[in-house]
């Protein structure tokens, strides 16, 4: 990926689409959403509380290869979900 915007958009959108597809396949978006939030709380909150904490778009970085983390995937998907909620 060229930069953080591309990385978060690409990986976040992939996770978001998988979550939506899985909700369709389960015939219950609510149950799938509860599972996703539980996973987010288990993995992402732990990362945010540790030394690897970083925003989805940091001010600086050395290499893009170092940032394929839960933040990019999980928070990226949540940002896309927020856009969908706000923009329709």
PDB file of N, CA and C in Angstrom:
ATOM      1  N   UNK A   1       0.832  -1.185   0.000  1.00  0.00           N
ATOM      2  CA  UNK A   1       0.000   0.000   0.000  1.00  0.00           C
ATOM      3  C   UNK A   1       0.872   1.242   0.000  1.00  0.00           C
ATOM      4  N   UNK A   2       0.356   2.273  -0.584  1.00  0.00           N
ATOM      5  CA  UNK A   2       1.103   3.520  -0.708  1.00  0.00           C
ATOM      6  C   UNK A   2       1.186   4.274   0.607  1.00  0.00           C
ATOM      7  N   UNK A   3       0.066   4.335   1.348  1.00  0.00           N
ATOM      8  CA  UNK A   3       0.047   5.111   2.585  1.00  0.00           C
ATOM      9  C   UNK A   3      -1.022   4.566   3.535  1.00  0.00           C
ATOM     10  N   UNK A   4      -1.152   5.242   4.683  1.00  0.00           N
ATOM     11  CA  UNK A   4      -2.105   4.793   5.702  1.00  0.00           C
ATOM     12  C   UNK A   4      -3.530   4.817   5.216  1.00  0.00           C
ATOM     13  N   UNK A   5      -3.893   5.815   4.442  1.00  0.00           N
ATOM     14  CA  UNK A   5      -5.264   5.893   3.956  1.00  0.00           C
ATOM     15  C   UNK A   5      -5.587   4.653   3.130  1.00  0.00           C
ATOM     16  N   UNK A   6      -4.705   4.298   2.225  1.00  0.00           N
ATOM     17  CA  UNK A   6      -4.943   3.115   1.394  1.00  0.00           C
ATOM     18  C   UNK A   6      -4.972   1.847   2.243  1.00  0.00           C
ATOM     19  N   UNK A   7      -4.045   1.732   3.176  1.00  0.00           N
ATOM     20  CA  UNK A   7      -3.971   0.536   4.008  1.00  0.00           C
ATOM     21  C   UNK A   7      -5.240   0.364   4.830  1.00  0.00           C
ATOM     22  N   UNK A   8      -5.648   1.396   5.529  1.00  0.00           N
ATOM     23  CA  UNK A   8      -6.836   1.301   6.370  1.00  0.00           C
ATOM     24  C   UNK A   8      -8.093   1.110   5.537  1.00  0.00           C
ATOM     25  N   UNK A   9      -8.189   1.819   4.440  1.00  0.00           N
ATOM     26  CA  UNK A   9      -9.358   1.679   3.586  1.00  0.00           C
ATOM     27  C   UNK A   9      -9.448   0.268   3.020  1.00  0.00           C
ATOM     28  N   UNK A  10      -8.350  -0.237   2.508  1.00  0.00           N
ATOM     29  CA  UNK A  10      -8.340  -1.570   1.889  1.00  0.00           C
ATOM     30  C   UNK A  10      -8.631  -2.661   2.913  1.00  0.00           C
ATOM     31  N   UNK A  11      -7.889  -2.680   3.991  1.00  0.00           N
ATOM     32  CA  UNK A  11      -8.051  -3.746   4.977  1.00  0.00           C
ATOM     33  C   UNK A  11      -9.336  -3.580   5.793  1.00  0.00           C
ATOM     34  N   UNK A  12      -9.658  -2.342   6.150  1.00  0.00           N
ATOM     35  CA  UNK A  12     -10.899  -2.099   6.886  1.00  0.00           C
ATOM     36  C   UNK A  12     -12.119  -2.463   6.077  1.00  0.00           C
ATOM     37  N   UNK A  13     -12.118  -2.129   4.797  1.00  0.00           N
ATOM     38  CA  UNK A  13     -13.248  -2.468   3.936  1.00  0.00           C
ATOM     39  C   UNK A  13     -13.376  -3.978   3.772  1.00  0.00           C
ATOM     40  N   UNK A  14     -12.257  -4.664   3.690  1.00  0.00           N
ATOM     41  CA  UNK A  14     -12.292  -6.124   3.578  1.00  0.00           C
ATOM     42  C   UNK A  14     -12.931  -6.743   4.814  1.00  0.00           C
ATOM     43  N   UNK A  15     -12.532  -6.295   5.991  1.00  0.00           N
ATOM     44  CA  UNK A  15     -13.106  -6.816   7.232  1.00  0.00           C
ATOM     45  C   UNK A  15     -14.588  -6.461   7.319  1.00  0.00           C
ATOM     46  N   UNK A  16     -14.932  -5.220   7.002  1.00  0.00           N
ATOM     47  CA  UNK A  16     -16.335  -4.792   7.051  1.00  0.00           C
ATOM     48  C   UNK A  16     -17.199  -5.639   6.119  1.00  0.00           C
ATOM     49  N   UNK A  17     -16.742  -5.846   4.895  1.00  0.00           N
ATOM     50  CA  UNK A  17     -17.512  -6.642   3.930  1.00  0.00           C
ATOM     51  C   UNK A  17     -17.673  -8.074   4.426  1.00  0.00           C
ATOM     52  N   UNK A  18     -16.627  -8.631   5.021  1.00  0.00           N
ATOM     53  CA  UNK A  18     -16.724  -9.981   5.575  1.00  0.00           C
ATOM     54  C   UNK A  18     -17.744 -10.035   6.705  1.00  0.00           C
ATOM     55  N   UNK A  19     -17.750  -9.020   7.558  1.00  0.00           N
ATOM     56  CA  UNK A  19     -18.717  -8.984   8.652  1.00  0.00           C
ATOM     57  C   UNK A  19     -20.146  -8.915   8.116  1.00  0.00           C
ATOM     58  N   UNK A  20     -20.369  -8.085   7.110  1.00  0.00           N
ATOM     59  CA  UNK A  20     -21.707  -7.955   6.534  1.00  0.00           C
ATOM     60  C   UNK A  20     -22.132  -9.249   5.832  1.00  0.00           C
ATOM     61  N   UNK A  21     -21.231  -9.849   5.078  1.00  0.00           N
ATOM     62  CA  UNK A  21     -21.528 -11.107   4.395  1.00  0.00           C
ATOM     63  C   UNK A  21     -21.846 -12.203   5.407  1.00  0.00           C
ATOM     64  N   UNK A  22     -21.035 -12.286   6.460  1.00  0.00           N
ATOM     65  CA  UNK A  22     -21.267 -13.306   7.485  1.00  0.00           C
ATOM     66  C   UNK A  22     -22.607 -13.100   8.174  1.00  0.00           C
ATOM     67  N   UNK A  23     -22.988 -11.856   8.417  1.00  0.00           N
ATOM     68  CA  UNK A  23     -24.296 -11.567   8.989  1.00  0.00           C
ATOM     69  C   UNK A  23     -25.421 -12.027   8.083  1.00  0.00           C
ATOM     70  N   UNK A  24     -25.250 -11.839   6.780  1.00  0.00           N
ATOM     71  CA  UNK A  24     -26.247 -12.332   5.812  1.00  0.00           C
ATOM     72  C   UNK A  24     -26.325 -13.853   5.843  1.00  0.00           C
ATOM     73  N   UNK A  25     -25.177 -14.508   5.887  1.00  0.00           N
ATOM     74  CA  UNK A  25     -25.151 -15.976   5.874  1.00  0.00           C
ATOM     75  C   UNK A  25     -25.724 -16.565   7.162  1.00  0.00           C
ATOM     76  N   UNK A  26     -25.568 -15.855   8.268  1.00  0.00           N
ATOM     77  CA  UNK A  26     -26.100 -16.324   9.551  1.00  0.00           C
ATOM     78  C   UNK A  26     -27.585 -15.996   9.685  1.00  0.00           C
ATOM     79  N   UNK A  27     -28.103 -15.186   8.777  1.00  0.00           N
ATOM     80  CA  UNK A  27     -29.482 -14.692   8.849  1.00  0.00           C
ATOM     81  C   UNK A  27     -29.726 -13.868  10.100  1.00  0.00           C
ATOM     82  N   UNK A  28     -28.669 -13.299  10.654  1.00  0.00           N
ATOM     83  CA  UNK A  28     -28.810 -12.457  11.832  1.00  0.00           C
ATOM     84  C   UNK A  28     -27.636 -11.486  11.926  1.00  0.00           C
ATOM     85  N   UNK A  29     -27.853 -10.276  11.474  1.00  0.00           N
ATOM     86  CA  UNK A  29     -26.799  -9.270  11.592  1.00  0.00           C
ATOM     87  C   UNK A  29     -26.546  -8.918  13.052  1.00  0.00           C
ATOM     88  N   UNK A  30     -27.580  -8.988  13.881  1.00  0.00           N
ATOM     89  CA  UNK A  30     -27.419  -8.642  15.297  1.00  0.00           C
ATOM     90  C   UNK A  30     -26.486  -9.621  16.003  1.00  0.00           C
ATOM     91  N   UNK A  31     -26.681 -10.915  15.772  1.00  0.00           N
ATOM     92  CA  UNK A  31     -25.826 -11.924  16.403  1.00  0.00           C
ATOM     93  C   UNK A  31     -24.396 -11.779  15.911  1.00  0.00           C
ATOM     94  N   UNK A  32     -24.206 -11.567  14.623  1.00  0.00           N
ATOM     95  CA  UNK A  32     -22.866 -11.387  14.062  1.00  0.00           C
ATOM     96  C   UNK A  32     -22.210 -10.139  14.632  1.00  0.00           C
ATOM     97  N   UNK A  33     -22.979  -9.076  14.785  1.00  0.00           N
ATOM     98  CA  UNK A  33     -22.427  -7.827  15.331  1.00  0.00           C
ATOM     99  C   UNK A  33     -21.974  -8.018  16.773  1.00  0.00           C
ATOM    100  N   UNK A  34     -22.746  -8.756  17.551  1.00  0.00           N
ATOM    101  CA  UNK A  34     -22.363  -9.042  18.938  1.00  0.00           C
ATOM    102  C   UNK A  34     -21.057  -9.834  18.972  1.00  0.00           C
ATOM    103  N   UNK A  35     -20.917 -10.826  18.088  1.00  0.00           N
ATOM    104  CA  UNK A  35     -19.680 -11.588  18.012  1.00  0.00           C
ATOM    105  C   UNK A  35     -18.504 -10.682  17.635  1.00  0.00           C
ATOM    106  N   UNK A  36     -18.724  -9.806  16.660  1.00  0.00           N
ATOM    107  CA  UNK A  36     -17.659  -8.902  16.217  1.00  0.00           C
ATOM    108  C   UNK A  36     -17.236  -7.942  17.319  1.00  0.00           C
ATOM    109  N   UNK A  37     -18.193  -7.423  18.061  1.00  0.00           N
ATOM    110  CA  UNK A  37     -17.871  -6.495  19.156  1.00  0.00           C
ATOM    111  C   UNK A  37     -17.130  -7.229  20.268  1.00  0.00           C
ATOM    112  N   UNK A  38     -17.528  -8.454  20.564  1.00  0.00           N
ATOM    113  CA  UNK A  38     -16.805  -9.235  21.577  1.00  0.00           C
ATOM    114  C   UNK A  38     -15.362  -9.471  21.148  1.00  0.00           C
ATOM    115  N   UNK A  39     -15.148  -9.786  19.870  1.00  0.00           N
ATOM    116  CA  UNK A  39     -13.781  -9.978  19.367  1.00  0.00           C
ATOM    117  C   UNK A  39     -13.002  -8.665  19.419  1.00  0.00           C
ATOM    118  N   UNK A  40     -13.664  -7.574  19.073  1.00  0.00           N
ATOM    119  CA  UNK A  40     -13.022  -6.256  19.116  1.00  0.00           C
ATOM    120  C   UNK A  40     -12.582  -5.927  20.538  1.00  0.00           C
ATOM    121  N   UNK A  41     -13.446  -6.187  21.484  1.00  0.00           N
ATOM    122  CA  UNK A  41     -13.114  -5.912  22.881  1.00  0.00           C
ATOM    123  C   UNK A  41     -11.968  -6.786  23.361  1.00  0.00           C
ATOM    124  N   UNK A  42     -11.924  -8.027  22.916  1.00  0.00           N
ATOM    125  CA  UNK A  42     -10.877  -8.950  23.359  1.00  0.00           C
ATOM    126  C   UNK A  42      -9.515  -8.607  22.763  1.00  0.00           C
ATOM    127  N   UNK A  43      -9.477  -8.264  21.474  1.00  0.00           N
ATOM    128  CA  UNK A  43      -8.187  -8.040  20.804  1.00  0.00           C
ATOM    129  C   UNK A  43      -7.800  -6.571  20.744  1.00  0.00           C
ATOM    130  N   UNK A  44      -8.707  -5.743  20.261  1.00  0.00           N
ATOM    131  CA  UNK A  44      -8.348  -4.351  20.011  1.00  0.00           C
ATOM    132  C   UNK A  44      -8.128  -3.574  21.303  1.00  0.00           C
ATOM    133  N   UNK A  45      -8.970  -3.774  22.281  1.00  0.00           N
ATOM    134  CA  UNK A  45      -8.799  -3.040  23.527  1.00  0.00           C
ATOM    135  C   UNK A  45      -7.469  -3.399  24.187  1.00  0.00           C
ATOM    136  N   UNK A  46      -7.078  -4.678  24.071  1.00  0.00           N
ATOM    137  CA  UNK A  46      -5.788  -5.094  24.641  1.00  0.00           C
ATOM    138  C   UNK A  46      -4.637  -4.411  23.905  1.00  0.00           C
ATOM    139  N   UNK A  47      -4.731  -4.328  22.580  1.00  0.00           N
ATOM    140  CA  UNK A  47      -3.677  -3.650  21.819  1.00  0.00           C
ATOM    141  C   UNK A  47      -3.618  -2.167  22.172  1.00  0.00           C
ATOM    142  N   UNK A  48      -4.778  -1.542  22.294  1.00  0.00           N
ATOM    143  CA  UNK A  48      -4.821  -0.119  22.623  1.00  0.00           C
ATOM    144  C   UNK A  48      -4.255   0.182  24.007  1.00  0.00           C
ATOM    145  N   UNK A  49      -4.293  -0.793  24.903  1.00  0.00           N
ATOM    146  CA  UNK A  49      -3.784  -0.591  26.255  1.00  0.00           C
ATOM    147  C   UNK A  49      -2.288  -0.884  26.360  1.00  0.00           C
ATOM    148  N   UNK A  50      -1.682  -1.401  25.289  1.00  0.00           N
ATOM    149  CA  UNK A  50      -0.278  -1.795  25.336  1.00  0.00           C
ATOM    150  C   UNK A  50       0.645  -0.872  24.567  1.00  0.00           C
ATOM    151  N   UNK A  51       1.893  -1.274  24.448  1.00  0.00           N
ATOM    152  CA  UNK A  51       2.904  -0.440  23.793  1.00  0.00           C
ATOM    153  C   UNK A  51       2.726  -0.343  22.271  1.00  0.00           C
ATOM    154  N   UNK A  52       1.925  -1.204  21.677  1.00  0.00           N
ATOM    155  CA  UNK A  52       1.710  -1.179  20.223  1.00  0.00           C
ATOM    156  C   UNK A  52       0.532  -0.286  19.823  1.00  0.00           C
ATOM    157  N   UNK A  53      -0.012   0.437  20.770  1.00  0.00           N
ATOM    158  CA  UNK A  53      -1.152   1.308  20.494  1.00  0.00           C
ATOM    159  C   UNK A  53      -0.783   2.381  19.466  1.00  0.00           C
ATOM    160  N   UNK A  54      -1.670   2.587  18.502  1.00  0.00           N
ATOM    161  CA  UNK A  54      -1.465   3.640  17.504  1.00  0.00           C
ATOM    162  C   UNK A  54      -2.796   3.956  16.828  1.00  0.00           C
ATOM    163  N   UNK A  55      -2.975   5.169  16.347  1.00  0.00           N
ATOM    164  CA  UNK A  55      -4.203   5.501  15.616  1.00  0.00           C
ATOM    165  C   UNK A  55      -4.190   4.831  14.246  1.00  0.00           C
ATOM    166  N   UNK A  56      -5.326   4.819  13.569  1.00  0.00           N
ATOM    167  CA  UNK A  56      -5.352   4.194  12.250  1.00  0.00           C
ATOM    168  C   UNK A  56      -4.570   5.012  11.230  1.00  0.00           C
ATOM    169  N   UNK A  57      -4.287   6.257  11.548  1.00  0.00           N
ATOM    170  CA  UNK A  57      -3.461   7.096  10.676  1.00  0.00           C
ATOM    171  C   UNK A  57      -2.462   7.867  11.534  1.00  0.00           C
ATOM    172  N   UNK A  58      -1.290   7.277  11.801  1.00  0.00           N
ATOM    173  CA  UNK A  58      -0.310   7.954  12.650  1.00  0.00           C
ATOM    174  C   UNK A  58       0.329   9.145  11.954  1.00  0.00           C
ATOM    175  N   UNK A  59       0.906  10.019  12.740  1.00  0.00           N
ATOM    176  CA  UNK A  59       1.582  11.193  12.189  1.00  0.00           C
ATOM    177  C   UNK A  59       2.837  10.836  11.423  1.00  0.00           C
ATOM    178  N   UNK A  60       3.532   9.793  11.855  1.00  0.00           N
ATOM    179  CA  UNK A  60       4.756   9.383  11.167  1.00  0.00           C
ATOM    180  C   UNK A  60       4.950   7.882  11.348  1.00  0.00           C
ATOM    181  N   UNK A  61       5.764   7.300  10.479  1.00  0.00           N
ATOM    182  CA  UNK A  61       6.089   5.884  10.560  1.00  0.00           C
ATOM    183  C   UNK A  61       7.357   5.630   9.759  1.00  0.00           C
ATOM    184  N   UNK A  62       8.008   4.521  10.032  1.00  0.00           N
ATOM    185  CA  UNK A  62       9.236   4.169   9.327  1.00  0.00           C
ATOM    186  C   UNK A  62       8.912   3.330   8.097  1.00  0.00           C
ATOM    187  N   UNK A  63       8.059   2.336   8.278  1.00  0.00           N
ATOM    188  CA  UNK A  63       7.710   1.450   7.169  1.00  0.00           C
ATOM    189  C   UNK A  63       6.265   1.015   7.286  1.00  0.00           C
ATOM    190  N   UNK A  64       5.560   0.972   6.174  1.00  0.00           N
ATOM    191  CA  UNK A  64       4.165   0.526   6.176  1.00  0.00           C
ATOM    192  C   UNK A  64       4.061  -0.936   6.577  1.00  0.00           C
ATOM    193  N   UNK A  65       5.079  -1.720   6.333  1.00  0.00           N
ATOM    194  CA  UNK A  65       5.047  -3.153   6.630  1.00  0.00           C
ATOM    195  C   UNK A  65       4.911  -3.447   8.120  1.00  0.00           C
ATOM    196  N   UNK A  66       5.232  -2.484   8.965  1.00  0.00           N
ATOM    197  CA  UNK A  66       5.174  -2.697  10.410  1.00  0.00           C
ATOM    198  C   UNK A  66       3.775  -2.535  10.995  1.00  0.00           C
ATOM    199  N   UNK A  67       2.801  -2.171  10.190  1.00  0.00           N
ATOM    200  CA  UNK A  67       1.517  -1.786  10.768  1.00  0.00           C
ATOM    201  C   UNK A  67       0.325  -2.599  10.313  1.00  0.00           C
ATOM    202  N   UNK A  68       0.529  -3.842   9.964  1.00  0.00           N
ATOM    203  CA  UNK A  68      -0.601  -4.722   9.691  1.00  0.00           C
ATOM    204  C   UNK A  68      -1.051  -5.296  11.030  1.00  0.00           C
ATOM    205  N   UNK A  69      -1.757  -4.479  11.791  1.00  0.00           N
ATOM    206  CA  UNK A  69      -2.151  -4.825  13.156  1.00  0.00           C
ATOM    207  C   UNK A  69      -3.665  -4.861  13.280  1.00  0.00           C
ATOM    208  N   UNK A  70      -4.121  -5.262  14.439  1.00  0.00           N
ATOM    209  CA  UNK A  70      -5.557  -5.269  14.723  1.00  0.00           C
ATOM    210  C   UNK A  70      -6.158  -3.882  14.554  1.00  0.00           C
ATOM    211  N   UNK A  71      -5.368  -2.860  14.850  1.00  0.00           N
ATOM    212  CA  UNK A  71      -5.856  -1.488  14.692  1.00  0.00           C
ATOM    213  C   UNK A  71      -6.257  -1.227  13.256  1.00  0.00           C
ATOM    214  N   UNK A  72      -5.424  -1.602  12.325  1.00  0.00           N
ATOM    215  CA  UNK A  72      -5.711  -1.356  10.912  1.00  0.00           C
ATOM    216  C   UNK A  72      -6.956  -2.114  10.481  1.00  0.00           C
ATOM    217  N   UNK A  73      -7.056  -3.375  10.863  1.00  0.00           N
ATOM    218  CA  UNK A  73      -8.175  -4.197  10.429  1.00  0.00           C
ATOM    219  C   UNK A  73      -9.465  -3.858  11.175  1.00  0.00           C
ATOM    220  N   UNK A  74      -9.416  -3.938  12.494  1.00  0.00           N
ATOM    221  CA  UNK A  74     -10.629  -3.765  13.295  1.00  0.00           C
ATOM    222  C   UNK A  74     -11.121  -2.328  13.327  1.00  0.00           C
ATOM    223  N   UNK A  75     -10.219  -1.400  13.649  1.00  0.00           N
ATOM    224  CA  UNK A  75     -10.650  -0.005  13.695  1.00  0.00           C
ATOM    225  C   UNK A  75     -10.984   0.508  12.305  1.00  0.00           C
ATOM    226  N   UNK A  76     -10.257   0.035  11.295  1.00  0.00           N
ATOM    227  CA  UNK A  76     -10.589   0.416   9.924  1.00  0.00           C
ATOM    228  C   UNK A  76     -12.004   0.011   9.572  1.00  0.00           C
ATOM    229  N   UNK A  77     -12.393  -1.208   9.941  1.00  0.00           N
ATOM    230  CA  UNK A  77     -13.758  -1.678   9.692  1.00  0.00           C
ATOM    231  C   UNK A  77     -14.774  -0.847  10.470  1.00  0.00           C
ATOM    232  N   UNK A  78     -14.437  -0.481  11.692  1.00  0.00           N
ATOM    233  CA  UNK A  78     -15.373   0.326  12.496  1.00  0.00           C
ATOM    234  C   UNK A  78     -15.519   1.731  11.928  1.00  0.00           C
ATOM    235  N   UNK A  79     -14.456   2.292  11.392  1.00  0.00           N
ATOM    236  CA  UNK A  79     -14.553   3.613  10.755  1.00  0.00           C
ATOM    237  C   UNK A  79     -15.464   3.533   9.523  1.00  0.00           C
ATOM    238  N   UNK A  80     -15.301   2.478   8.733  1.00  0.00           N
ATOM    239  CA  UNK A  80     -16.181   2.309   7.569  1.00  0.00           C
ATOM    240  C   UNK A  80     -17.617   2.098   8.009  1.00  0.00           C
ATOM    241  N   UNK A  81     -17.840   1.350   9.080  1.00  0.00           N
ATOM    242  CA  UNK A  81     -19.198   1.161   9.624  1.00  0.00           C
ATOM    243  C   UNK A  81     -19.776   2.503  10.075  1.00  0.00           C
ATOM    244  N   UNK A  82     -18.941   3.321  10.698  1.00  0.00           N
ATOM    245  CA  UNK A  82     -19.385   4.650  11.134  1.00  0.00           C
ATOM    246  C   UNK A  82     -19.794   5.501   9.921  1.00  0.00           C
ATOM    247  N   UNK A  83     -18.974   5.465   8.857  1.00  0.00           N
ATOM    248  CA  UNK A  83     -19.329   6.196   7.636  1.00  0.00           C
ATOM    249  C   UNK A  83     -20.672   5.744   7.100  1.00  0.00           C
ATOM    250  N   UNK A  84     -20.874   4.440   7.089  1.00  0.00           N
ATOM    251  CA  UNK A  84     -22.161   3.911   6.580  1.00  0.00           C
ATOM    252  C   UNK A  84     -23.326   4.386   7.455  1.00  0.00           C
ATOM    253  N   UNK A  85     -23.128   4.367   8.748  1.00  0.00           N
ATOM    254  CA  UNK A  85     -24.182   4.807   9.661  1.00  0.00           C
ATOM    255  C   UNK A  85     -24.505   6.287   9.465  1.00  0.00           C
ATOM    256  N   UNK A  86     -23.466   7.109   9.355  1.00  0.00           N
ATOM    257  CA  UNK A  86     -23.664   8.545   9.232  1.00  0.00           C
ATOM    258  C   UNK A  86     -24.129   8.989   7.844  1.00  0.00           C
ATOM    259  N   UNK A  87     -23.601   8.337   6.805  1.00  0.00           N
ATOM    260  CA  UNK A  87     -23.889   8.777   5.446  1.00  0.00           C
ATOM    261  C   UNK A  87     -24.973   7.958   4.747  1.00  0.00           C
ATOM    262  N   UNK A  88     -25.270   6.792   5.313  1.00  0.00           N
ATOM    263  CA  UNK A  88     -26.330   5.947   4.735  1.00  0.00           C
ATOM    264  C   UNK A  88     -25.871   5.036   3.650  1.00  0.00           C
TER     265      UNK A  88
END
